[in-house]
PDB file of N, CA and C in Angstrom:
ATOM      1  N   MET A   1      12.328  23.660 -14.137  1.00  0.00           N
ATOM      2  CA  MET A   1      12.281  24.899 -14.873  1.00  0.00           C
ATOM      3  C   MET A   1      12.747  24.912 -16.178  1.00  0.00           C
ATOM      4  N   THR A   2      12.374  25.593 -17.233  1.00  0.00           N
ATOM      5  CA  THR A   2      12.675  25.588 -18.489  1.00  0.00           C
ATOM      6  C   THR A   2      13.645  26.947 -18.716  1.00  0.00           C
ATOM      7  N   PRO A   3      15.002  26.563 -18.838  1.00  0.00           N
ATOM      8  CA  PRO A   3      16.017  27.660 -18.810  1.00  0.00           C
ATOM      9  C   PRO A   3      16.036  28.535 -19.863  1.00  0.00           C
ATOM     10  N   GLU A   4      15.278  28.159 -21.185  1.00  0.00           N
ATOM     11  CA  GLU A   4      15.214  28.973 -22.493  1.00  0.00           C
ATOM     12  C   GLU A   4      14.298  30.139 -22.318  1.00  0.00           C
ATOM     13  N   THR A   5      13.432  30.180 -21.372  1.00  0.00           N
ATOM     14  CA  THR A   5      12.443  31.197 -21.104  1.00  0.00           C
ATOM     15  C   THR A   5      12.613  32.003 -19.767  1.00  0.00           C
ATOM     16  N   SER A   6      12.163  33.146 -19.513  1.00  0.00           N
ATOM     17  CA  SER A   6      11.948  33.466 -18.181  1.00  0.00           C
ATOM     18  C   SER A   6      10.657  34.353 -17.955  1.00  0.00           C
ATOM     19  N   SER A   7      10.252  34.412 -16.724  1.00  0.00           N
ATOM     20  CA  SER A   7       9.013  34.936 -16.192  1.00  0.00           C
ATOM     21  C   SER A   7       9.020  35.691 -15.151  1.00  0.00           C
ATOM     22  N   LEU A   8       7.948  36.293 -14.759  1.00  0.00           N
ATOM     23  CA  LEU A   8       7.737  36.861 -13.473  1.00  0.00           C
ATOM     24  C   LEU A   8       6.806  35.821 -12.783  1.00  0.00           C
ATOM     25  N   TRP A   9       6.857  35.465 -11.664  1.00  0.00           N
ATOM     26  CA  TRP A   9       6.010  34.780 -10.781  1.00  0.00           C
ATOM     27  C   TRP A   9       5.366  35.518  -9.866  1.00  0.00           C
ATOM     28  N   ILE A  10       4.060  35.635  -9.694  1.00  0.00           N
ATOM     29  CA  ILE A  10       3.217  36.470  -8.727  1.00  0.00           C
ATOM     30  C   ILE A  10       2.394  35.433  -7.933  1.00  0.00           C
ATOM     31  N   LEU A  11       2.700  35.694  -6.679  1.00  0.00           N
ATOM     32  CA  LEU A  11       2.225  34.660  -5.766  1.00  0.00           C
ATOM     33  C   LEU A  11       1.591  35.480  -4.431  1.00  0.00           C
ATOM     34  N   HIS A  12       0.414  34.938  -4.133  1.00  0.00           N
ATOM     35  CA  HIS A  12      -0.403  35.495  -3.004  1.00  0.00           C
ATOM     36  C   HIS A  12      -1.430  34.394  -2.893  1.00  0.00           C
ATOM     37  N   ARG A  13      -1.796  34.316  -1.473  1.00  0.00           N
ATOM     38  CA  ARG A  13      -2.792  33.353  -0.990  1.00  0.00           C
ATOM     39  C   ARG A  13      -4.167  33.558  -1.693  1.00  0.00           C
ATOM     40  N   ASP A  14      -4.616  34.799  -1.622  1.00  0.00           N
ATOM     41  CA  ASP A  14      -5.691  35.381  -2.054  1.00  0.00           C
ATOM     42  C   ASP A  14      -5.785  35.810  -3.540  1.00  0.00           C
ATOM     43  N   PRO A  15      -6.689  35.196  -4.336  1.00  0.00           N
ATOM     44  CA  PRO A  15      -6.701  35.431  -5.641  1.00  0.00           C
ATOM     45  C   PRO A  15      -6.971  36.983  -6.068  1.00  0.00           C
ATOM     46  N   ALA A  16      -7.849  37.428  -5.582  1.00  0.00           N
ATOM     47  CA  ALA A  16      -8.098  38.958  -5.565  1.00  0.00           C
ATOM     48  C   ALA A  16      -6.639  39.902  -5.417  1.00  0.00           C
ATOM     49  N   GLN A  17      -5.912  39.407  -4.416  1.00  0.00           N
ATOM     50  CA  GLN A  17      -4.786  40.153  -4.166  1.00  0.00           C
ATOM     51  C   GLN A  17      -3.860  39.898  -5.209  1.00  0.00           C
ATOM     52  N   ARG A  18      -3.586  38.520  -5.721  1.00  0.00           N
ATOM     53  CA  ARG A  18      -2.762  38.376  -6.943  1.00  0.00           C
ATOM     54  C   ARG A  18      -3.322  39.041  -8.268  1.00  0.00           C
ATOM     55  N   ASP A  19      -4.507  39.305  -8.416  1.00  0.00           N
ATOM     56  CA  ASP A  19      -4.845  39.924  -9.595  1.00  0.00           C
ATOM     57  C   ASP A  19      -4.468  41.575  -9.454  1.00  0.00           C
ATOM     58  N   ALA A  20      -4.646  42.019  -8.025  1.00  0.00           N
ATOM     59  CA  ALA A  20      -4.106  43.333  -7.858  1.00  0.00           C
ATOM     60  C   ALA A  20      -2.650  43.622  -8.045  1.00  0.00           C
ATOM     61  N   LEU A  21      -1.938  42.555  -7.722  1.00  0.00           N
ATOM     62  CA  LEU A  21      -0.470  42.624  -7.870  1.00  0.00           C
ATOM     63  C   LEU A  21      -0.125  42.535  -9.567  1.00  0.00           C
ATOM     64  N   LEU A  22      -0.892  41.699 -10.143  1.00  0.00           N
ATOM     65  CA  LEU A  22      -0.791  41.730 -11.631  1.00  0.00           C
ATOM     66  C   LEU A  22      -1.248  43.068 -12.266  1.00  0.00           C
ATOM     67  N   ARG A  23      -2.242  43.690 -11.908  1.00  0.00           N
ATOM     68  CA  ARG A  23      -2.391  45.014 -12.372  1.00  0.00           C
ATOM     69  C   ARG A  23      -1.305  45.992 -12.199  1.00  0.00           C
ATOM     70  N   LEU A  24      -0.688  45.987 -11.243  1.00  0.00           N
ATOM     71  CA  LEU A  24       0.498  46.795 -10.781  1.00  0.00           C
ATOM     72  C   LEU A  24       1.933  46.663 -11.686  1.00  0.00           C
ATOM     73  N   VAL A  25       1.785  45.425 -12.217  1.00  0.00           N
ATOM     74  CA  VAL A  25       3.003  45.122 -12.907  1.00  0.00           C
ATOM     75  C   VAL A  25       3.159  45.441 -14.449  1.00  0.00           C
ATOM     76  N   SER A  26       3.928  46.065 -15.068  1.00  0.00           N
ATOM     77  CA  SER A  26       3.860  46.303 -16.472  1.00  0.00           C
ATOM     78  C   SER A  26       5.387  45.529 -16.925  1.00  0.00           C
ATOM     79  N   ALA A  27       5.040  44.409 -17.174  1.00  0.00           N
ATOM     80  CA  ALA A  27       6.270  43.528 -17.659  1.00  0.00           C
ATOM     81  C   ALA A  27       5.928  42.988 -18.922  1.00  0.00           C
ATOM     82  N   GLU A  28       6.919  42.676 -19.910  1.00  0.00           N
ATOM     83  CA  GLU A  28       6.945  42.302 -21.305  1.00  0.00           C
ATOM     84  C   GLU A  28       7.437  41.026 -21.318  1.00  0.00           C
ATOM     85  N   ILE A  29       7.170  40.255 -20.255  1.00  0.00           N
ATOM     86  CA  ILE A  29       7.684  38.669 -20.253  1.00  0.00           C
ATOM     87  C   ILE A  29       6.439  37.868 -19.702  1.00  0.00           C
ATOM     88  N   GLU A  30       6.526  36.616 -19.728  1.00  0.00           N
ATOM     89  CA  GLU A  30       5.545  35.691 -19.265  1.00  0.00           C
ATOM     90  C   GLU A  30       5.440  35.957 -17.839  1.00  0.00           C
ATOM     91  N   ILE A  31       4.135  36.039 -17.399  1.00  0.00           N
ATOM     92  CA  ILE A  31       3.733  36.123 -15.903  1.00  0.00           C
ATOM     93  C   ILE A  31       2.885  34.870 -15.520  1.00  0.00           C
ATOM     94  N   VAL A  32       3.248  34.216 -14.357  1.00  0.00           N
ATOM     95  CA  VAL A  32       2.618  33.047 -14.012  1.00  0.00           C
ATOM     96  C   VAL A  32       1.975  33.504 -12.570  1.00  0.00           C
ATOM     97  N   THR A  33       0.799  33.207 -12.112  1.00  0.00           N
ATOM     98  CA  THR A  33       0.433  33.443 -10.831  1.00  0.00           C
ATOM     99  C   THR A  33      -0.030  32.302 -10.273  1.00  0.00           C
ATOM    100  N   GLY A  34      -0.239  32.389  -8.635  1.00  0.00           N
ATOM    101  CA  GLY A  34      -0.589  31.155  -8.172  1.00  0.00           C
ATOM    102  C   GLY A  34      -0.333  31.407  -6.478  1.00  0.00           C
ATOM    103  N   SER A  35      -0.769  30.546  -5.879  1.00  0.00           N
ATOM    104  CA  SER A  35      -0.633  30.615  -4.473  1.00  0.00           C
ATOM    105  C   SER A  35       0.787  29.996  -3.982  1.00  0.00           C
ATOM    106  N   PRO A  36       1.320  30.248  -2.974  1.00  0.00           N
ATOM    107  CA  PRO A  36       2.609  29.931  -2.690  1.00  0.00           C
ATOM    108  C   PRO A  36       2.355  28.228  -2.126  1.00  0.00           C
ATOM    109  N   ALA A  37       1.240  27.775  -1.949  1.00  0.00           N
ATOM    110  CA  ALA A  37       1.032  26.583  -1.834  1.00  0.00           C
ATOM    111  C   ALA A  37       0.933  25.629  -3.014  1.00  0.00           C
ATOM    112  N   ASP A  38       0.949  26.195  -4.242  1.00  0.00           N
ATOM    113  CA  ASP A  38       0.603  25.567  -5.690  1.00  0.00           C
ATOM    114  C   ASP A  38       1.687  24.534  -5.964  1.00  0.00           C
ATOM    115  N   PRO A  39       1.526  23.315  -6.230  1.00  0.00           N
ATOM    116  CA  PRO A  39       2.656  22.516  -6.277  1.00  0.00           C
ATOM    117  C   PRO A  39       3.203  22.615  -7.547  1.00  0.00           C
ATOM    118  N   SER A  40       2.703  23.388  -8.655  1.00  0.00           N
ATOM    119  CA  SER A  40       3.120  23.592  -9.997  1.00  0.00           C
ATOM    120  C   SER A  40       4.462  24.354 -10.021  1.00  0.00           C
ATOM    121  N   PHE A  41       4.539  25.306  -8.920  1.00  0.00           N
ATOM    122  CA  PHE A  41       5.980  26.021  -8.947  1.00  0.00           C
ATOM    123  C   PHE A  41       7.035  25.243  -8.624  1.00  0.00           C
ATOM    124  N   ALA A  42       6.791  23.946  -8.091  1.00  0.00           N
ATOM    125  CA  ALA A  42       8.120  23.162  -7.830  1.00  0.00           C
ATOM    126  C   ALA A  42       8.337  21.928  -8.752  1.00  0.00           C
ATOM    127  N   ASP A  43       7.369  21.767  -9.522  1.00  0.00           N
ATOM    128  CA  ASP A  43       7.410  20.710 -10.345  1.00  0.00           C
ATOM    129  C   ASP A  43       8.110  20.734 -11.770  1.00  0.00           C
ATOM    130  N   GLY A  44       8.841  21.905 -12.052  1.00  0.00           N
ATOM    131  CA  GLY A  44       9.751  22.012 -12.810  1.00  0.00           C
ATOM    132  C   GLY A  44       9.153  22.459 -14.454  1.00  0.00           C
ATOM    133  N   SER A  45       7.736  22.586 -14.368  1.00  0.00           N
ATOM    134  CA  SER A  45       7.123  22.648 -15.699  1.00  0.00           C
ATOM    135  C   SER A  45       6.857  24.270 -16.045  1.00  0.00           C
ATOM    136  N   LEU A  46       7.018  25.196 -15.264  1.00  0.00           N
ATOM    137  CA  LEU A  46       7.074  26.500 -15.269  1.00  0.00           C
ATOM    138  C   LEU A  46       8.315  26.948 -15.791  1.00  0.00           C
ATOM    139  N   PRO A  47       8.274  28.345 -16.645  1.00  0.00           N
ATOM    140  CA  PRO A  47       9.283  29.061 -17.074  1.00  0.00           C
ATOM    141  C   PRO A  47      10.306  29.449 -15.789  1.00  0.00           C
ATOM    142  N   THR A  48      11.488  29.338 -16.021  1.00  0.00           N
ATOM    143  CA  THR A  48      12.307  29.894 -14.770  1.00  0.00           C
ATOM    144  C   THR A  48      12.031  31.475 -14.592  1.00  0.00           C
ATOM    145  N   PRO A  49      11.772  31.754 -13.256  1.00  0.00           N
ATOM    146  CA  PRO A  49      11.550  33.221 -13.084  1.00  0.00           C
ATOM    147  C   PRO A  49      12.531  33.988 -12.988  1.00  0.00           C
ATOM    148  N   ARG A  50      12.362  35.212 -13.809  1.00  0.00           N
ATOM    149  CA  ARG A  50      13.565  36.313 -13.473  1.00  0.00           C
ATOM    150  C   ARG A  50      13.351  36.852 -11.981  1.00  0.00           C
ATOM    151  N   ALA A  51      11.836  37.068 -11.653  1.00  0.00           N
ATOM    152  CA  ALA A  51      11.781  37.701 -10.348  1.00  0.00           C
ATOM    153  C   ALA A  51      10.453  37.066  -9.870  1.00  0.00           C
ATOM    154  N   ILE A  52      10.495  36.901  -8.721  1.00  0.00           N
ATOM    155  CA  ILE A  52       9.298  36.373  -7.880  1.00  0.00           C
ATOM    156  C   ILE A  52       8.736  37.400  -6.840  1.00  0.00           C
ATOM    157  N   LEU A  53       7.500  37.881  -7.358  1.00  0.00           N
ATOM    158  CA  LEU A  53       6.639  38.977  -6.577  1.00  0.00           C
ATOM    159  C   LEU A  53       5.626  38.173  -5.564  1.00  0.00           C
ATOM    160  N   MET A  54       5.904  38.364  -4.407  1.00  0.00           N
ATOM    161  CA  MET A  54       4.969  37.337  -3.379  1.00  0.00           C
ATOM    162  C   MET A  54       4.558  38.316  -2.130  1.00  0.00           C
ATOM    163  N   GLY A  55       3.156  38.253  -2.237  1.00  0.00           N
ATOM    164  CA  GLY A  55       2.397  39.003  -1.026  1.00  0.00           C
ATOM    165  C   GLY A  55       2.715  37.992   0.233  1.00  0.00           C
ATOM    166  N   VAL A  56       3.075  38.392   1.355  1.00  0.00           N
ATOM    167  CA  VAL A  56       3.389  37.828   2.593  1.00  0.00           C
ATOM    168  C   VAL A  56       2.405  38.211   3.504  1.00  0.00           C
ATOM    169  N   VAL A  57       1.621  37.232   4.109  1.00  0.00           N
ATOM    170  CA  VAL A  57       0.462  37.734   4.985  1.00  0.00           C
ATOM    171  C   VAL A  57       0.189  36.541   6.136  1.00  0.00           C
ATOM    172  N   GLU A  58      -0.773  37.078   6.799  1.00  0.00           N
ATOM    173  CA  GLU A  58      -0.967  36.089   8.079  1.00  0.00           C
ATOM    174  C   GLU A  58      -0.102  35.658   8.784  1.00  0.00           C
ATOM    175  N   ASP A  59       0.181  34.484   8.865  1.00  0.00           N
ATOM    176  CA  ASP A  59       1.243  33.773   9.876  1.00  0.00           C
ATOM    177  C   ASP A  59       2.630  33.448   9.258  1.00  0.00           C
ATOM    178  N   PHE A  60       2.619  34.122   7.753  1.00  0.00           N
ATOM    179  CA  PHE A  60       3.827  33.852   7.090  1.00  0.00           C
ATOM    180  C   PHE A  60       4.333  32.576   6.734  1.00  0.00           C
ATOM    181  N   GLU A  61       3.747  31.397   7.286  1.00  0.00           N
ATOM    182  CA  GLU A  61       4.220  30.082   7.130  1.00  0.00           C
ATOM    183  C   GLU A  61       4.206  29.542   5.585  1.00  0.00           C
ATOM    184  N   LEU A  62       2.991  29.774   5.067  1.00  0.00           N
ATOM    185  CA  LEU A  62       3.025  29.310   3.339  1.00  0.00           C
ATOM    186  C   LEU A  62       4.107  29.996   2.667  1.00  0.00           C
ATOM    187  N   GLU A  63       4.467  31.288   2.999  1.00  0.00           N
ATOM    188  CA  GLU A  63       5.500  32.067   2.335  1.00  0.00           C
ATOM    189  C   GLU A  63       7.013  31.643   2.623  1.00  0.00           C
ATOM    190  N   LEU A  64       7.225  31.332   3.865  1.00  0.00           N
ATOM    191  CA  LEU A  64       8.382  30.779   4.233  1.00  0.00           C
ATOM    192  C   LEU A  64       8.727  29.436   3.874  1.00  0.00           C
ATOM    193  N   GLU A  65       7.889  28.523   3.759  1.00  0.00           N
ATOM    194  CA  GLU A  65       7.914  27.165   3.225  1.00  0.00           C
ATOM    195  C   GLU A  65       8.286  27.279   1.916  1.00  0.00           C
ATOM    196  N   PHE A  66       7.574  28.353   1.151  1.00  0.00           N
ATOM    197  CA  PHE A  66       7.795  28.473  -0.364  1.00  0.00           C
ATOM    198  C   PHE A  66       9.155  28.872  -0.584  1.00  0.00           C
ATOM    199  N   VAL A  67       9.733  29.727   0.019  1.00  0.00           N
ATOM    200  CA  VAL A  67      11.217  30.422  -0.009  1.00  0.00           C
ATOM    201  C   VAL A  67      12.116  29.374   0.409  1.00  0.00           C
ATOM    202  N   HIS A  68      11.885  28.591   1.394  1.00  0.00           N
ATOM    203  CA  HIS A  68      12.738  27.472   1.749  1.00  0.00           C
ATOM    204  C   HIS A  68      12.717  26.446   0.549  1.00  0.00           C
ATOM    205  N   ARG A  69      11.616  26.096   0.051  1.00  0.00           N
ATOM    206  CA  ARG A  69      11.531  24.975  -0.956  1.00  0.00           C
ATOM    207  C   ARG A  69      12.179  25.471  -2.275  1.00  0.00           C
ATOM    208  N   MET A  70      12.101  26.833  -2.806  1.00  0.00           N
ATOM    209  CA  MET A  70      12.386  27.208  -4.055  1.00  0.00           C
ATOM    210  C   MET A  70      13.678  28.085  -4.084  1.00  0.00           C
ATOM    211  N   ARG A  71      14.166  28.632  -3.034  1.00  0.00           N
ATOM    212  CA  ARG A  71      15.290  29.417  -3.203  1.00  0.00           C
ATOM    213  C   ARG A  71      16.512  28.859  -3.905  1.00  0.00           C
ATOM    214  N   ASP A  72      16.847  27.673  -3.435  1.00  0.00           N
ATOM    215  CA  ASP A  72      17.879  27.096  -4.278  1.00  0.00           C
ATOM    216  C   ASP A  72      17.696  26.647  -5.757  1.00  0.00           C
ATOM    217  N   GLN A  73      16.307  26.259  -6.112  1.00  0.00           N
ATOM    218  CA  GLN A  73      15.815  25.959  -7.386  1.00  0.00           C
ATOM    219  C   GLN A  73      15.935  27.184  -8.330  1.00  0.00           C
ATOM    220  N   VAL A  74      15.800  28.396  -7.822  1.00  0.00           N
ATOM    221  CA  VAL A  74      15.750  29.491  -8.832  1.00  0.00           C
ATOM    222  C   VAL A  74      16.817  30.570  -8.152  1.00  0.00           C
ATOM    223  N   PRO A  75      18.101  30.258  -8.176  1.00  0.00           N
ATOM    224  CA  PRO A  75      19.036  31.037  -7.477  1.00  0.00           C
ATOM    225  C   PRO A  75      19.189  32.577  -8.283  1.00  0.00           C
ATOM    226  N   ALA A  76      19.057  32.890  -9.385  1.00  0.00           N
ATOM    227  CA  ALA A  76      19.088  33.956 -10.069  1.00  0.00           C
ATOM    228  C   ALA A  76      17.792  34.940  -9.947  1.00  0.00           C
ATOM    229  N   ALA A  77      16.718  34.429  -9.382  1.00  0.00           N
ATOM    230  CA  ALA A  77      15.559  35.200  -9.373  1.00  0.00           C
ATOM    231  C   ALA A  77      15.635  36.381  -8.424  1.00  0.00           C
ATOM    232  N   ALA A  78      15.241  37.438  -8.660  1.00  0.00           N
ATOM    233  CA  ALA A  78      14.927  38.424  -7.663  1.00  0.00           C
ATOM    234  C   ALA A  78      13.747  38.349  -6.849  1.00  0.00           C
ATOM    235  N   TRP A  79      13.739  38.462  -5.624  1.00  0.00           N
ATOM    236  CA  TRP A  79      12.562  38.386  -4.718  1.00  0.00           C
ATOM    237  C   TRP A  79      11.891  39.654  -4.179  1.00  0.00           C
ATOM    238  N   ILE A  80      10.857  39.812  -4.631  1.00  0.00           N
ATOM    239  CA  ILE A  80      10.081  41.147  -4.175  1.00  0.00           C
ATOM    240  C   ILE A  80       8.884  40.773  -3.122  1.00  0.00           C
ATOM    241  N   LEU A  81       9.132  41.109  -2.028  1.00  0.00           N
ATOM    242  CA  LEU A  81       8.160  40.621  -1.025  1.00  0.00           C
ATOM    243  C   LEU A  81       7.271  41.823  -0.587  1.00  0.00           C
ATOM    244  N   VAL A  82       5.921  41.796  -0.567  1.00  0.00           N
ATOM    245  CA  VAL A  82       4.998  42.788  -0.268  1.00  0.00           C
ATOM    246  C   VAL A  82       4.011  42.313   0.795  1.00  0.00           C
ATOM    247  N   THR A  83       4.026  43.304   1.931  1.00  0.00           N
ATOM    248  CA  THR A  83       3.198  42.955   3.026  1.00  0.00           C
ATOM    249  C   THR A  83       2.484  44.154   3.689  1.00  0.00           C
ATOM    250  N   GLU A  84       1.797  43.960   4.792  1.00  0.00           N
ATOM    251  CA  GLU A  84       1.170  45.152   5.253  1.00  0.00           C
ATOM    252  C   GLU A  84       2.222  45.968   5.957  1.00  0.00           C
ATOM    253  N   LEU A  85       1.924  47.321   6.193  1.00  0.00           N
ATOM    254  CA  LEU A  85       3.051  48.282   6.638  1.00  0.00           C
ATOM    255  C   LEU A  85       3.348  47.898   8.103  1.00  0.00           C
ATOM    256  N   GLU A  86       2.393  47.424   8.913  1.00  0.00           N
ATOM    257  CA  GLU A  86       2.753  46.920  10.312  1.00  0.00           C
ATOM    258  C   GLU A  86       3.810  45.612  10.364  1.00  0.00           C
ATOM    259  N   ASP A  87       3.727  44.997   9.053  1.00  0.00           N
ATOM    260  CA  ASP A  87       4.495  43.721   9.061  1.00  0.00           C
ATOM    261  C   ASP A  87       5.904  43.798   8.456  1.00  0.00           C
ATOM    262  N   VAL A  88       6.084  44.900   7.865  1.00  0.00           N
ATOM    263  CA  VAL A  88       7.478  45.037   7.124  1.00  0.00           C
ATOM    264  C   VAL A  88       8.601  44.756   7.733  1.00  0.00           C
ATOM    265  N   ALA A  89       8.822  45.180   9.131  1.00  0.00           N
ATOM    266  CA  ALA A  89      10.101  44.760   9.769  1.00  0.00           C
ATOM    267  C   ALA A  89      10.169  43.324  10.294  1.00  0.00           C
ATOM    268  N   GLU A  90       8.925  42.752  10.467  1.00  0.00           N
ATOM    269  CA  GLU A  90       9.143  41.076  10.755  1.00  0.00           C
ATOM    270  C   GLU A  90       9.427  40.515   9.572  1.00  0.00           C
ATOM    271  N   VAL A  91       8.827  40.886   8.329  1.00  0.00           N
ATOM    272  CA  VAL A  91       8.880  40.268   7.155  1.00  0.00           C
ATOM    273  C   VAL A  91      10.340  40.339   6.776  1.00  0.00           C
ATOM    274  N   GLY A  92      11.131  41.527   7.000  1.00  0.00           N
ATOM    275  CA  GLY A  92      12.441  41.751   6.745  1.00  0.00           C
ATOM    276  C   GLY A  92      13.359  40.804   7.619  1.00  0.00           C
ATOM    277  N   ARG A  93      13.062  40.709   8.751  1.00  0.00           N
ATOM    278  CA  ARG A  93      13.799  39.680   9.803  1.00  0.00           C
ATOM    279  C   ARG A  93      13.640  38.335   9.282  1.00  0.00           C
ATOM    280  N   LEU A  94      12.451  37.888   9.085  1.00  0.00           N
ATOM    281  CA  LEU A  94      12.273  36.481   8.957  1.00  0.00           C
ATOM    282  C   LEU A  94      12.706  35.972   7.366  1.00  0.00           C
ATOM    283  N   PHE A  95      12.462  36.837   6.551  1.00  0.00           N
ATOM    284  CA  PHE A  95      13.297  36.586   5.203  1.00  0.00           C
ATOM    285  C   PHE A  95      14.302  37.179   4.846  1.00  0.00           C
ATOM    286  N   ASP A  96      15.261  37.310   5.948  1.00  0.00           N
ATOM    287  CA  ASP A  96      16.625  37.806   5.884  1.00  0.00           C
ATOM    288  C   ASP A  96      17.702  37.453   4.774  1.00  0.00           C
ATOM    289  N   SER A  97      17.318  35.894   4.520  1.00  0.00           N
ATOM    290  CA  SER A  97      18.165  35.408   3.605  1.00  0.00           C
ATOM    291  C   SER A  97      18.164  35.692   1.992  1.00  0.00           C
ATOM    292  N   LEU A  98      16.911  36.438   1.963  1.00  0.00           N
ATOM    293  CA  LEU A  98      16.733  37.183   0.542  1.00  0.00           C
ATOM    294  C   LEU A  98      17.179  38.548   0.413  1.00  0.00           C
ATOM    295  N   THR A  99      17.621  38.750  -0.928  1.00  0.00           N
ATOM    296  CA  THR A  99      18.173  40.179  -1.028  1.00  0.00           C
ATOM    297  C   THR A  99      16.969  41.242  -1.184  1.00  0.00           C
ATOM    298  N   GLY A 100      17.112  42.414  -0.816  1.00  0.00           N
ATOM    299  CA  GLY A 100      16.024  43.293  -0.856  1.00  0.00           C
ATOM    300  C   GLY A 100      15.148  43.532   0.241  1.00  0.00           C
ATOM    301  N   GLU A 101      14.589  44.524   0.341  1.00  0.00           N
ATOM    302  CA  GLU A 101      13.769  45.159   1.466  1.00  0.00           C
ATOM    303  C   GLU A 101      12.360  44.728   1.136  1.00  0.00           C
ATOM    304  N   PRO A 102      11.498  44.241   1.999  1.00  0.00           N
ATOM    305  CA  PRO A 102      10.079  44.157   1.798  1.00  0.00           C
ATOM    306  C   PRO A 102       9.399  45.501   1.500  1.00  0.00           C
ATOM    307  N   LEU A 103       8.312  45.327   0.624  1.00  0.00           N
ATOM    308  CA  LEU A 103       7.522  46.505   0.400  1.00  0.00           C
ATOM    309  C   LEU A 103       6.144  46.548   1.207  1.00  0.00           C
ATOM    310  N   ALA A 104       5.665  47.767   1.548  1.00  0.00           N
ATOM    311  CA  ALA A 104       4.427  47.969   2.161  1.00  0.00           C
ATOM    312  C   ALA A 104       3.292  47.768   1.092  1.00  0.00           C
ATOM    313  N   TRP A 105       2.197  47.200   1.358  1.00  0.00           N
ATOM    314  CA  TRP A 105       1.211  47.208   0.493  1.00  0.00           C
ATOM    315  C   TRP A 105       0.395  48.485   0.558  1.00  0.00           C
ATOM    316  N   PRO A 106      -0.030  49.225  -0.481  1.00  0.00           N
ATOM    317  CA  PRO A 106       0.224  48.680  -1.934  1.00  0.00           C
ATOM    318  C   PRO A 106       1.396  49.127  -2.367  1.00  0.00           C
ATOM    319  N   PRO A 107       2.227  48.132  -3.172  1.00  0.00           N
ATOM    320  CA  PRO A 107       3.500  48.787  -3.576  1.00  0.00           C
ATOM    321  C   PRO A 107       3.333  49.719  -4.973  1.00  0.00           C
ATOM    322  N   SER A 108       4.278  50.499  -4.897  1.00  0.00           N
ATOM    323  CA  SER A 108       4.285  51.641  -6.161  1.00  0.00           C
ATOM    324  C   SER A 108       4.596  50.899  -7.312  1.00  0.00           C
ATOM    325  N   PRO A 109       3.677  50.986  -8.425  1.00  0.00           N
ATOM    326  CA  PRO A 109       4.023  50.448  -9.738  1.00  0.00           C
ATOM    327  C   PRO A 109       5.126  50.939 -10.141  1.00  0.00           C
ATOM    328  N   ALA A 110       5.774  52.052  -9.936  1.00  0.00           N
ATOM    329  CA  ALA A 110       7.244  52.386 -10.280  1.00  0.00           C
ATOM    330  C   ALA A 110       8.371  51.513  -9.533  1.00  0.00           C
ATOM    331  N   LEU A 111       8.012  51.136  -8.510  1.00  0.00           N
ATOM    332  CA  LEU A 111       9.001  50.269  -7.932  1.00  0.00           C
ATOM    333  C   LEU A 111       9.099  48.640  -8.575  1.00  0.00           C
ATOM    334  N   LEU A 112       8.062  48.437  -8.888  1.00  0.00           N
ATOM    335  CA  LEU A 112       7.675  47.055  -9.600  1.00  0.00           C
ATOM    336  C   LEU A 112       8.451  47.007 -10.993  1.00  0.00           C
TER     337      LEU A 112
END
């Protein structure tokens, strides 16, 4: 990670959903988008995230693996998880090591 800059990372398995999340965010910092499986997030070449906005879908495995791999590398980052309404409680339980509560899709732009 490059410590001199900070960014917002937006992650989702589905590129269309990443674009939807990107449209909801009004940030004046660099925004990086990709899939939780994208190796560029772990290779140290991206700016350090101030926050990580991640869609959590399907079996949650890619997202859980991403959190386990990256949590210690970006300890100051705020984590914002977005999932379907029926999955909010399960996502809260599975990702309980992160601060904050998961948000139901679609998240309010005001919250982001």
